Amino acid sequence: MIEWNPDQQYAAQAEGWDIFEASGSQLNESGDRPFQLQAIDEADIFTGYERDGLAWGHVYTQARAGSPLHQQALNFLREHSYPEFAVIIYENSPDGRELNKEFAW
């Protein structure tokens, strides 16, 4: 089972994003998206209407570059909140190949 631990949360928050439990979110109304990768609004690192999308792009790009933190974040979402993972891949991947395997190179 892939986990998202406090040390990883701390490192992610220093970059202006984190994975949040979002069971009450409108995006989780079907119960299949309980965790969401979001920008931390107060950090002012990712700004504007598309700040969560910018955070997704950052995490995806860093994971592709080999960052274990960012790969762990995507693998956590793949296991625990697949629709959130799929949207991040769809928005950032040129071919979507990461949808069917663990995110690591």
PDB file of N, CA and C in Angstrom:
ATOM      1  N   MET A   1       0.842  -1.181   0.000  1.00  0.00           N
ATOM      2  CA  MET A   1       0.000   0.000   0.000  1.00  0.00           C
ATOM      3  C   MET A   1       0.893   1.251   0.000  1.00  0.00           C
ATOM      4  N   ILE A   2       0.617   2.136  -0.886  1.00  0.00           N
ATOM      5  CA  ILE A   2       1.389   3.373  -1.006  1.00  0.00           C
ATOM      6  C   ILE A   2       0.821   4.398  -0.030  1.00  0.00           C
ATOM      7  N   GLU A   3       1.724   5.059   0.682  1.00  0.00           N
ATOM      8  CA  GLU A   3       1.298   6.048   1.677  1.00  0.00           C
ATOM      9  C   GLU A   3       1.813   7.443   1.312  1.00  0.00           C
ATOM     10  N   TRP A   4       1.190   8.433   1.919  1.00  0.00           N
ATOM     11  CA  TRP A   4       1.597   9.838   1.798  1.00  0.00           C
ATOM     12  C   TRP A   4       1.830  10.314   3.223  1.00  0.00           C
ATOM     13  N   ASN A   5       3.099  10.330   3.650  1.00  0.00           N
ATOM     14  CA  ASN A   5       3.416  10.545   5.056  1.00  0.00           C
ATOM     15  C   ASN A   5       3.704  12.013   5.391  1.00  0.00           C
ATOM     16  N   PRO A   6       3.805  12.342   6.669  1.00  0.00           N
ATOM     17  CA  PRO A   6       4.024  13.738   7.080  1.00  0.00           C
ATOM     18  C   PRO A   6       5.294  14.374   6.508  1.00  0.00           C
ATOM     19  N   ASP A   7       6.374  13.614   6.363  1.00  0.00           N
ATOM     20  CA  ASP A   7       7.590  14.181   5.762  1.00  0.00           C
ATOM     21  C   ASP A   7       7.346  14.576   4.312  1.00  0.00           C
ATOM     22  N   GLN A   8       6.609  13.744   3.587  1.00  0.00           N
ATOM     23  CA  GLN A   8       6.275  14.065   2.200  1.00  0.00           C
ATOM     24  C   GLN A   8       5.335  15.264   2.134  1.00  0.00           C
ATOM     25  N   GLN A   9       4.384  15.321   3.057  1.00  0.00           N
ATOM     26  CA  GLN A   9       3.480  16.468   3.100  1.00  0.00           C
ATOM     27  C   GLN A   9       4.259  17.759   3.333  1.00  0.00           C
ATOM     28  N   TYR A  10       5.183  17.721   4.253  1.00  0.00           N
ATOM     29  CA  TYR A  10       5.987  18.902   4.578  1.00  0.00           C
ATOM     30  C   TYR A  10       6.786  19.359   3.346  1.00  0.00           C
ATOM     31  N   ALA A  11       7.425  18.413   2.649  1.00  0.00           N
ATOM     32  CA  ALA A  11       8.200  18.750   1.452  1.00  0.00           C
ATOM     33  C   ALA A  11       7.304  19.316   0.356  1.00  0.00           C
ATOM     34  N   ALA A  12       6.137  18.720   0.175  1.00  0.00           N
ATOM     35  CA  ALA A  12       5.201  19.204  -0.845  1.00  0.00           C
ATOM     36  C   ALA A  12       4.707  20.604  -0.503  1.00  0.00           C
ATOM     37  N   GLN A  13       4.367  20.817   0.758  1.00  0.00           N
ATOM     38  CA  GLN A  13       3.857  22.126   1.174  1.00  0.00           C
ATOM     39  C   GLN A  13       4.903  23.221   0.992  1.00  0.00           C
ATOM     40  N   ALA A  14       6.175  22.886   1.139  1.00  0.00           N
ATOM     41  CA  ALA A  14       7.242  23.862   0.909  1.00  0.00           C
ATOM     42  C   ALA A  14       7.274  24.296  -0.556  1.00  0.00           C
ATOM     43  N   GLU A  15       6.745  23.449  -1.444  1.00  0.00           N
ATOM     44  CA  GLU A  15       6.665  23.771  -2.874  1.00  0.00           C
ATOM     45  C   GLU A  15       5.326  24.407  -3.244  1.00  0.00           C
ATOM     46  N   GLY A  16       4.393  24.486  -2.292  1.00  0.00           N
ATOM     47  CA  GLY A  16       3.114  25.138  -2.553  1.00  0.00           C
ATOM     48  C   GLY A  16       1.979  24.223  -2.964  1.00  0.00           C
ATOM     49  N   TRP A  17       2.081  22.933  -2.684  1.00  0.00           N
ATOM     50  CA  TRP A  17       1.018  21.979  -3.025  1.00  0.00           C
ATOM     51  C   TRP A  17       0.999  20.870  -1.982  1.00  0.00           C
ATOM     52  N   ASP A  18      -0.044  20.054  -2.022  1.00  0.00           N
ATOM     53  CA  ASP A  18      -0.117  18.870  -1.176  1.00  0.00           C
ATOM     54  C   ASP A  18      -1.274  18.007  -1.671  1.00  0.00           C
ATOM     55  N   ILE A  19      -1.363  16.819  -1.108  1.00  0.00           N
ATOM     56  CA  ILE A  19      -2.502  15.933  -1.347  1.00  0.00           C
ATOM     57  C   ILE A  19      -3.403  16.058  -0.128  1.00  0.00           C
ATOM     58  N   PHE A  20      -4.666  16.382  -0.383  1.00  0.00           N
ATOM     59  CA  PHE A  20      -5.614  16.627   0.693  1.00  0.00           C
ATOM     60  C   PHE A  20      -6.722  15.580   0.681  1.00  0.00           C
ATOM     61  N   GLU A  21      -7.162  15.189   1.862  1.00  0.00           N
ATOM     62  CA  GLU A  21      -8.346  14.354   1.996  1.00  0.00           C
ATOM     63  C   GLU A  21      -9.527  15.253   1.638  1.00  0.00           C
ATOM     64  N   ALA A  22     -10.339  14.806   0.696  1.00  0.00           N
ATOM     65  CA  ALA A  22     -11.402  15.666   0.177  1.00  0.00           C
ATOM     66  C   ALA A  22     -12.705  14.885   0.025  1.00  0.00           C
ATOM     67  N   SER A  23     -13.026  14.087   1.021  1.00  0.00           N
ATOM     68  CA  SER A  23     -14.226  13.250   0.916  1.00  0.00           C
ATOM     69  C   SER A  23     -15.505  14.069   0.775  1.00  0.00           C
ATOM     70  N   GLY A  24     -15.520  15.304   1.287  1.00  0.00           N
ATOM     71  CA  GLY A  24     -16.709  16.143   1.181  1.00  0.00           C
ATOM     72  C   GLY A  24     -16.735  17.016  -0.062  1.00  0.00           C
ATOM     73  N   SER A  25     -15.757  16.872  -0.919  1.00  0.00           N
ATOM     74  CA  SER A  25     -15.637  17.683  -2.123  1.00  0.00           C
ATOM     75  C   SER A  25     -16.705  17.326  -3.154  1.00  0.00           C
ATOM     76  N   GLN A  26     -17.114  18.305  -3.915  1.00  0.00           N
ATOM     77  CA  GLN A  26     -18.063  18.075  -5.000  1.00  0.00           C
ATOM     78  C   GLN A  26     -17.474  17.102  -6.028  1.00  0.00           C
ATOM     79  N   LEU A  27     -16.142  17.150  -6.240  1.00  0.00           N
ATOM     80  CA  LEU A  27     -15.505  16.231  -7.179  1.00  0.00           C
ATOM     81  C   LEU A  27     -15.529  14.786  -6.684  1.00  0.00           C
ATOM     82  N   ASN A  28     -15.817  14.593  -5.407  1.00  0.00           N
ATOM     83  CA  ASN A  28     -15.869  13.251  -4.833  1.00  0.00           C
ATOM     84  C   ASN A  28     -17.301  12.782  -4.604  1.00  0.00           C
ATOM     85  N   GLU A  29     -18.256  13.364  -5.268  1.00  0.00           N
ATOM     86  CA  GLU A  29     -19.650  13.011  -5.015  1.00  0.00           C
ATOM     87  C   GLU A  29     -19.946  11.541  -5.314  1.00  0.00           C
ATOM     88  N   SER A  30     -19.150  10.905  -6.165  1.00  0.00           N
ATOM     89  CA  SER A  30     -19.326   9.473  -6.440  1.00  0.00           C
ATOM     90  C   SER A  30     -18.519   8.609  -5.481  1.00  0.00           C
ATOM     91  N   GLY A  31     -17.715   9.231  -4.629  1.00  0.00           N
ATOM     92  CA  GLY A  31     -16.929   8.499  -3.652  1.00  0.00           C
ATOM     93  C   GLY A  31     -15.649   7.892  -4.191  1.00  0.00           C
ATOM     94  N   ASP A  32     -15.256   8.264  -5.409  1.00  0.00           N
ATOM     95  CA  ASP A  32     -14.072   7.659  -6.013  1.00  0.00           C
ATOM     96  C   ASP A  32     -12.875   8.621  -6.123  1.00  0.00           C
ATOM     97  N   ARG A  33     -12.993   9.790  -5.517  1.00  0.00           N
ATOM     98  CA  ARG A  33     -11.929  10.792  -5.592  1.00  0.00           C
ATOM     99  C   ARG A  33     -11.710  11.412  -4.209  1.00  0.00           C
ATOM    100  N   PRO A  34     -11.404  10.559  -3.196  1.00  0.00           N
ATOM    101  CA  PRO A  34     -11.314  11.054  -1.821  1.00  0.00           C
ATOM    102  C   PRO A  34     -10.053  11.863  -1.523  1.00  0.00           C
ATOM    103  N   PHE A  35      -9.051  11.764  -2.385  1.00  0.00           N
ATOM    104  CA  PHE A  35      -7.829  12.549  -2.212  1.00  0.00           C
ATOM    105  C   PHE A  35      -7.606  13.381  -3.467  1.00  0.00           C
ATOM    106  N   GLN A  36      -7.170  14.629  -3.260  1.00  0.00           N
ATOM    107  CA  GLN A  36      -6.954  15.528  -4.389  1.00  0.00           C
ATOM    108  C   GLN A  36      -5.651  16.294  -4.213  1.00  0.00           C
ATOM    109  N   LEU A  37      -4.913  16.404  -5.302  1.00  0.00           N
ATOM    110  CA  LEU A  37      -3.698  17.199  -5.314  1.00  0.00           C
ATOM    111  C   LEU A  37      -4.117  18.635  -5.605  1.00  0.00           C
ATOM    112  N   GLN A  38      -3.805  19.524  -4.681  1.00  0.00           N
ATOM    113  CA  GLN A  38      -4.227  20.914  -4.816  1.00  0.00           C
ATOM    114  C   GLN A  38      -3.085  21.853  -4.476  1.00  0.00           C
ATOM    115  N   ALA A  39      -3.136  23.028  -5.073  1.00  0.00           N
ATOM    116  CA  ALA A  39      -2.230  24.108  -4.691  1.00  0.00           C
ATOM    117  C   ALA A  39      -2.647  24.615  -3.317  1.00  0.00           C
ATOM    118  N   ILE A  40      -1.682  25.063  -2.548  1.00  0.00           N
ATOM    119  CA  ILE A  40      -1.978  25.687  -1.258  1.00  0.00           C
ATOM    120  C   ILE A  40      -2.151  27.177  -1.516  1.00  0.00           C
ATOM    121  N   ASP A  41      -3.368  27.645  -1.397  1.00  0.00           N
ATOM    122  CA  ASP A  41      -3.696  29.029  -1.749  1.00  0.00           C
ATOM    123  C   ASP A  41      -2.838  30.041  -1.000  1.00  0.00           C
ATOM    124  N   GLU A  42      -2.614  29.813   0.274  1.00  0.00           N
ATOM    125  CA  GLU A  42      -1.881  30.773   1.102  1.00  0.00           C
ATOM    126  C   GLU A  42      -0.402  30.874   0.717  1.00  0.00           C
ATOM    127  N   ALA A  43       0.116  29.882   0.017  1.00  0.00           N
ATOM    128  CA  ALA A  43       1.534  29.880  -0.351  1.00  0.00           C
ATOM    129  C   ALA A  43       1.832  30.864  -1.480  1.00  0.00           C
ATOM    130  N   ASP A  44       0.833  31.206  -2.282  1.00  0.00           N
ATOM    131  CA  ASP A  44       1.007  32.119  -3.418  1.00  0.00           C
ATOM    132  C   ASP A  44       2.113  31.687  -4.374  1.00  0.00           C
ATOM    133  N   ILE A  45       2.328  30.384  -4.499  1.00  0.00           N
ATOM    134  CA  ILE A  45       3.303  29.863  -5.461  1.00  0.00           C
ATOM    135  C   ILE A  45       2.612  29.575  -6.783  1.00  0.00           C
ATOM    136  N   PHE A  46       1.472  28.907  -6.713  1.00  0.00           N
ATOM    137  CA  PHE A  46       0.631  28.665  -7.887  1.00  0.00           C
ATOM    138  C   PHE A  46      -0.571  29.580  -7.712  1.00  0.00           C
ATOM    139  N   THR A  47      -0.771  30.484  -8.642  1.00  0.00           N
ATOM    140  CA  THR A  47      -1.806  31.497  -8.466  1.00  0.00           C
ATOM    141  C   THR A  47      -2.780  31.511  -9.642  1.00  0.00           C
ATOM    142  N   GLY A  48      -3.853  32.207  -9.442  1.00  0.00           N
ATOM    143  CA  GLY A  48      -4.856  32.373 -10.475  1.00  0.00           C
ATOM    144  C   GLY A  48      -5.897  31.271 -10.448  1.00  0.00           C
ATOM    145  N   TYR A  49      -6.812  31.369 -11.353  1.00  0.00           N
ATOM    146  CA  TYR A  49      -7.934  30.452 -11.434  1.00  0.00           C
ATOM    147  C   TYR A  49      -7.478  29.010 -11.650  1.00  0.00           C
ATOM    148  N   GLU A  50      -6.397  28.822 -12.373  1.00  0.00           N
ATOM    149  CA  GLU A  50      -5.899  27.494 -12.713  1.00  0.00           C
ATOM    150  C   GLU A  50      -4.787  27.016 -11.786  1.00  0.00           C
ATOM    151  N   ARG A  51      -4.735  27.518 -10.557  1.00  0.00           N
ATOM    152  CA  ARG A  51      -3.617  27.188  -9.662  1.00  0.00           C
ATOM    153  C   ARG A  51      -3.489  25.696  -9.396  1.00  0.00           C
ATOM    154  N   ASP A  52      -4.590  24.976  -9.246  1.00  0.00           N
ATOM    155  CA  ASP A  52      -4.479  23.532  -9.036  1.00  0.00           C
ATOM    156  C   ASP A  52      -3.891  22.857 -10.276  1.00  0.00           C
ATOM    157  N   GLY A  53      -4.312  23.290 -11.439  1.00  0.00           N
ATOM    158  CA  GLY A  53      -3.755  22.754 -12.685  1.00  0.00           C
ATOM    159  C   GLY A  53      -2.265  23.035 -12.809  1.00  0.00           C
ATOM    160  N   LEU A  54      -1.842  24.199 -12.356  1.00  0.00           N
ATOM    161  CA  LEU A  54      -0.412  24.519 -12.365  1.00  0.00           C
ATOM    162  C   LEU A  54       0.342  23.610 -11.406  1.00  0.00           C
ATOM    163  N   ALA A  55      -0.240  23.329 -10.247  1.00  0.00           N
ATOM    164  CA  ALA A  55       0.380  22.404  -9.293  1.00  0.00           C
ATOM    165  C   ALA A  55       0.447  21.002  -9.899  1.00  0.00           C
ATOM    166  N   TRP A  56      -0.603  20.570 -10.592  1.00  0.00           N
ATOM    167  CA  TRP A  56      -0.588  19.266 -11.254  1.00  0.00           C
ATOM    168  C   TRP A  56       0.560  19.191 -12.247  1.00  0.00           C
ATOM    169  N   GLY A  57       0.702  20.245 -13.058  1.00  0.00           N
ATOM    170  CA  GLY A  57       1.769  20.268 -14.055  1.00  0.00           C
ATOM    171  C   GLY A  57       3.141  20.210 -13.412  1.00  0.00           C
ATOM    172  N   HIS A  58       3.305  20.924 -12.322  1.00  0.00           N
ATOM    173  CA  HIS A  58       4.579  20.913 -11.602  1.00  0.00           C
ATOM    174  C   HIS A  58       4.896  19.507 -11.106  1.00  0.00           C
ATOM    175  N   VAL A  59       3.940  18.863 -10.458  1.00  0.00           N
ATOM    176  CA  VAL A  59       4.165  17.526  -9.910  1.00  0.00           C
ATOM    177  C   VAL A  59       4.443  16.538 -11.036  1.00  0.00           C
ATOM    178  N   TYR A  60       3.668  16.603 -12.095  1.00  0.00           N
ATOM    179  CA  TYR A  60       3.868  15.700 -13.232  1.00  0.00           C
ATOM    180  C   TYR A  60       5.258  15.880 -13.840  1.00  0.00           C
ATOM    181  N   THR A  61       5.643  17.109 -14.088  1.00  0.00           N
ATOM    182  CA  THR A  61       6.951  17.390 -14.697  1.00  0.00           C
ATOM    183  C   THR A  61       8.098  16.911 -13.816  1.00  0.00           C
ATOM    184  N   GLN A  62       7.995  17.179 -12.523  1.00  0.00           N
ATOM    185  CA  GLN A  62       9.048  16.749 -11.603  1.00  0.00           C
ATOM    186  C   GLN A  62       9.094  15.217 -11.496  1.00  0.00           C
ATOM    187  N   ALA A  63       7.943  14.568 -11.526  1.00  0.00           N
ATOM    188  CA  ALA A  63       7.913  13.098 -11.491  1.00  0.00           C
ATOM    189  C   ALA A  63       8.589  12.529 -12.730  1.00  0.00           C
ATOM    190  N   ARG A  64       8.294  13.100 -13.875  1.00  0.00           N
ATOM    191  CA  ARG A  64       8.929  12.649 -15.125  1.00  0.00           C
ATOM    192  C   ARG A  64      10.429  12.871 -15.093  1.00  0.00           C
ATOM    193  N   ALA A  65      10.873  13.888 -14.363  1.00  0.00           N
ATOM    194  CA  ALA A  65      12.310  14.178 -14.253  1.00  0.00           C
ATOM    195  C   ALA A  65      12.998  13.258 -13.243  1.00  0.00           C
ATOM    196  N   GLY A  66      12.225  12.427 -12.533  1.00  0.00           N
ATOM    197  CA  GLY A  66      12.802  11.449 -11.638  1.00  0.00           C
ATOM    198  C   GLY A  66      12.704  11.757 -10.163  1.00  0.00           C
ATOM    199  N   SER A  67      11.957  12.778  -9.772  1.00  0.00           N
ATOM    200  CA  SER A  67      11.840  13.125  -8.357  1.00  0.00           C
ATOM    201  C   SER A  67      11.016  12.076  -7.602  1.00  0.00           C
ATOM    202  N   PRO A  68      11.621  11.426  -6.604  1.00  0.00           N
ATOM    203  CA  PRO A  68      10.867  10.426  -5.834  1.00  0.00           C
ATOM    204  C   PRO A  68       9.638  11.002  -5.124  1.00  0.00           C
ATOM    205  N   LEU A  69       9.725  12.229  -4.604  1.00  0.00           N
ATOM    206  CA  LEU A  69       8.581  12.844  -3.931  1.00  0.00           C
ATOM    207  C   LEU A  69       7.394  12.954  -4.880  1.00  0.00           C
ATOM    208  N   HIS A  70       7.631  13.458  -6.051  1.00  0.00           N
ATOM    209  CA  HIS A  70       6.555  13.695  -7.008  1.00  0.00           C
ATOM    210  C   HIS A  70       6.030  12.378  -7.594  1.00  0.00           C
ATOM    211  N   GLN A  71       6.917  11.413  -7.795  1.00  0.00           N
ATOM    212  CA  GLN A  71       6.473  10.095  -8.240  1.00  0.00           C
ATOM    213  C   GLN A  71       5.603   9.445  -7.172  1.00  0.00           C
ATOM    214  N   GLN A  72       6.005   9.579  -5.919  1.00  0.00           N
ATOM    215  CA  GLN A  72       5.228   9.014  -4.811  1.00  0.00           C
ATOM    216  C   GLN A  72       3.839   9.647  -4.761  1.00  0.00           C
ATOM    217  N   ALA A  73       3.771  10.948  -4.970  1.00  0.00           N
ATOM    218  CA  ALA A  73       2.470  11.629  -4.951  1.00  0.00           C
ATOM    219  C   ALA A  73       1.546  11.054  -6.024  1.00  0.00           C
ATOM    220  N   LEU A  74       2.064  10.891  -7.232  1.00  0.00           N
ATOM    221  CA  LEU A  74       1.224  10.360  -8.301  1.00  0.00           C
ATOM    222  C   LEU A  74       0.868   8.901  -8.065  1.00  0.00           C
ATOM    223  N   ASN A  75       1.818   8.125  -7.562  1.00  0.00           N
ATOM    224  CA  ASN A  75       1.510   6.722  -7.265  1.00  0.00           C
ATOM    225  C   ASN A  75       0.481   6.604  -6.145  1.00  0.00           C
ATOM    226  N   PHE A  76       0.561   7.481  -5.142  1.00  0.00           N
ATOM    227  CA  PHE A  76      -0.449   7.492  -4.079  1.00  0.00           C
ATOM    228  C   PHE A  76      -1.833   7.765  -4.668  1.00  0.00           C
ATOM    229  N   LEU A  77      -1.925   8.761  -5.520  1.00  0.00           N
ATOM    230  CA  LEU A  77      -3.216   9.084  -6.132  1.00  0.00           C
ATOM    231  C   LEU A  77      -3.695   7.953  -7.033  1.00  0.00           C
ATOM    232  N   ARG A  78      -2.776   7.330  -7.756  1.00  0.00           N
ATOM    233  CA  ARG A  78      -3.149   6.218  -8.629  1.00  0.00           C
ATOM    234  C   ARG A  78      -3.815   5.104  -7.811  1.00  0.00           C
ATOM    235  N   GLU A  79      -3.280   4.834  -6.621  1.00  0.00           N
ATOM    236  CA  GLU A  79      -3.809   3.757  -5.784  1.00  0.00           C
ATOM    237  C   GLU A  79      -5.052   4.159  -4.990  1.00  0.00           C
ATOM    238  N   HIS A  80      -5.103   5.388  -4.521  1.00  0.00           N
ATOM    239  CA  HIS A  80      -6.158   5.782  -3.573  1.00  0.00           C
ATOM    240  C   HIS A  80      -7.228   6.712  -4.142  1.00  0.00           C
ATOM    241  N   SER A  81      -6.958   7.324  -5.282  1.00  0.00           N
ATOM    242  CA  SER A  81      -7.904   8.285  -5.847  1.00  0.00           C
ATOM    243  C   SER A  81      -7.700   8.329  -7.366  1.00  0.00           C
ATOM    244  N   TYR A  82      -7.959   7.175  -7.995  1.00  0.00           N
ATOM    245  CA  TYR A  82      -7.616   7.005  -9.408  1.00  0.00           C
ATOM    246  C   TYR A  82      -8.180   8.094 -10.335  1.00  0.00           C
ATOM    247  N   PRO A  83      -9.410   8.523 -10.185  1.00  0.00           N
ATOM    248  CA  PRO A  83      -9.897   9.575 -11.082  1.00  0.00           C
ATOM    249  C   PRO A  83      -9.069  10.874 -10.996  1.00  0.00           C
ATOM    250  N   GLU A  84      -8.588  11.217  -9.804  1.00  0.00           N
ATOM    251  CA  GLU A  84      -7.730  12.398  -9.656  1.00  0.00           C
ATOM    252  C   GLU A  84      -6.420  12.180 -10.416  1.00  0.00           C
ATOM    253  N   PHE A  85      -5.825  11.009 -10.246  1.00  0.00           N
ATOM    254  CA  PHE A  85      -4.607  10.658 -10.973  1.00  0.00           C
ATOM    255  C   PHE A  85      -4.839  10.739 -12.481  1.00  0.00           C
ATOM    256  N   ALA A  86      -5.937  10.157 -12.947  1.00  0.00           N
ATOM    257  CA  ALA A  86      -6.224  10.116 -14.381  1.00  0.00           C
ATOM    258  C   ALA A  86      -6.367  11.514 -14.973  1.00  0.00           C
ATOM    259  N   VAL A  87      -7.006  12.418 -14.255  1.00  0.00           N
ATOM    260  CA  VAL A  87      -7.163  13.788 -14.749  1.00  0.00           C
ATOM    261  C   VAL A  87      -5.798  14.475 -14.850  1.00  0.00           C
ATOM    262  N   ILE A  88      -4.957  14.273 -13.851  1.00  0.00           N
ATOM    263  CA  ILE A  88      -3.620  14.881 -13.883  1.00  0.00           C
ATOM    264  C   ILE A  88      -2.835  14.359 -15.079  1.00  0.00           C
ATOM    265  N   ILE A  89      -2.881  13.057 -15.317  1.00  0.00           N
ATOM    266  CA  ILE A  89      -2.171  12.480 -16.463  1.00  0.00           C
ATOM    267  C   ILE A  89      -2.778  13.004 -17.760  1.00  0.00           C
ATOM    268  N   TYR A  90      -4.092  12.985 -17.870  1.00  0.00           N
ATOM    269  CA  TYR A  90      -4.763  13.458 -19.084  1.00  0.00           C
ATOM    270  C   TYR A  90      -4.374  14.900 -19.408  1.00  0.00           C
ATOM    271  N   GLU A  91      -4.302  15.738 -18.389  1.00  0.00           N
ATOM    272  CA  GLU A  91      -3.990  17.153 -18.603  1.00  0.00           C
ATOM    273  C   GLU A  91      -2.526  17.404 -18.953  1.00  0.00           C
ATOM    274  N   ASN A  92      -1.631  16.479 -18.616  1.00  0.00           N
ATOM    275  CA  ASN A  92      -0.205  16.751 -18.755  1.00  0.00           C
ATOM    276  C   ASN A  92       0.575  15.800 -19.650  1.00  0.00           C
ATOM    277  N   SER A  93       0.084  14.606 -19.882  1.00  0.00           N
ATOM    278  CA  SER A  93       0.843  13.616 -20.631  1.00  0.00           C
ATOM    279  C   SER A  93       0.571  13.704 -22.123  1.00  0.00           C
ATOM    280  N   PRO A  94       1.627  13.628 -22.919  1.00  0.00           N
ATOM    281  CA  PRO A  94       1.402  13.645 -24.368  1.00  0.00           C
ATOM    282  C   PRO A  94       0.723  12.376 -24.880  1.00  0.00           C
ATOM    283  N   ASP A  95       0.887  11.242 -24.183  1.00  0.00           N
ATOM    284  CA  ASP A  95       0.312   9.994 -24.677  1.00  0.00           C
ATOM    285  C   ASP A  95      -0.463   9.187 -23.644  1.00  0.00           C
ATOM    286  N   GLY A  96      -0.482   9.632 -22.397  1.00  0.00           N
ATOM    287  CA  GLY A  96      -1.253   8.965 -21.361  1.00  0.00           C
ATOM    288  C   GLY A  96      -0.708   7.626 -20.915  1.00  0.00           C
ATOM    289  N   ARG A  97       0.508   7.287 -21.282  1.00  0.00           N
ATOM    290  CA  ARG A  97       1.041   5.959 -20.984  1.00  0.00           C
ATOM    291  C   ARG A  97       1.145   5.669 -19.492  1.00  0.00           C
ATOM    292  N   GLU A  98       1.206   6.703 -18.654  1.00  0.00           N
ATOM    293  CA  GLU A  98       1.345   6.500 -17.227  1.00  0.00           C
ATOM    294  C   GLU A  98       0.068   5.981 -16.574  1.00  0.00           C
ATOM    295  N   LEU A  99      -1.019   5.952 -17.287  1.00  0.00           N
ATOM    296  CA  LEU A  99      -2.288   5.509 -16.695  1.00  0.00           C
ATOM    297  C   LEU A  99      -2.279   4.031 -16.338  1.00  0.00           C
ATOM    298  N   ASN A 100      -1.449   3.249 -16.995  1.00  0.00           N
ATOM    299  CA  ASN A 100      -1.515   1.799 -16.847  1.00  0.00           C
ATOM    300  C   ASN A 100      -0.316   1.175 -16.141  1.00  0.00           C
ATOM    301  N   LYS A 101       0.520   1.991 -15.498  1.00  0.00           N
ATOM    302  CA  LYS A 101       1.656   1.414 -14.792  1.00  0.00           C
ATOM    303  C   LYS A 101       2.048   2.347 -13.643  1.00  0.00           C
ATOM    304  N   GLU A 102       2.874   1.819 -12.774  1.00  0.00           N
ATOM    305  CA  GLU A 102       3.365   2.640 -11.672  1.00  0.00           C
ATOM    306  C   GLU A 102       4.212   3.767 -12.233  1.00  0.00           C
ATOM    307  N   PHE A 103       4.108   4.924 -11.638  1.00  0.00           N
ATOM    308  CA  PHE A 103       4.779   6.122 -12.120  1.00  0.00           C
ATOM    309  C   PHE A 103       6.219   6.141 -11.605  1.00  0.00           C
ATOM    310  N   ALA A 104       7.150   5.628 -12.420  1.00  0.00           N
ATOM    311  CA  ALA A 104       8.576   5.645 -12.101  1.00  0.00           C
ATOM    312  C   ALA A 104       9.370   5.359 -13.372  1.00  0.00           C
ATOM    313  N   TRP A 105      10.497   6.051 -13.480  1.00  0.00           N
ATOM    314  CA  TRP A 105      11.372   5.813 -14.635  1.00  0.00           C
ATOM    315  C   TRP A 105      12.767   5.508 -14.176  1.00  0.00           C
TER     316      TRP A 105
END
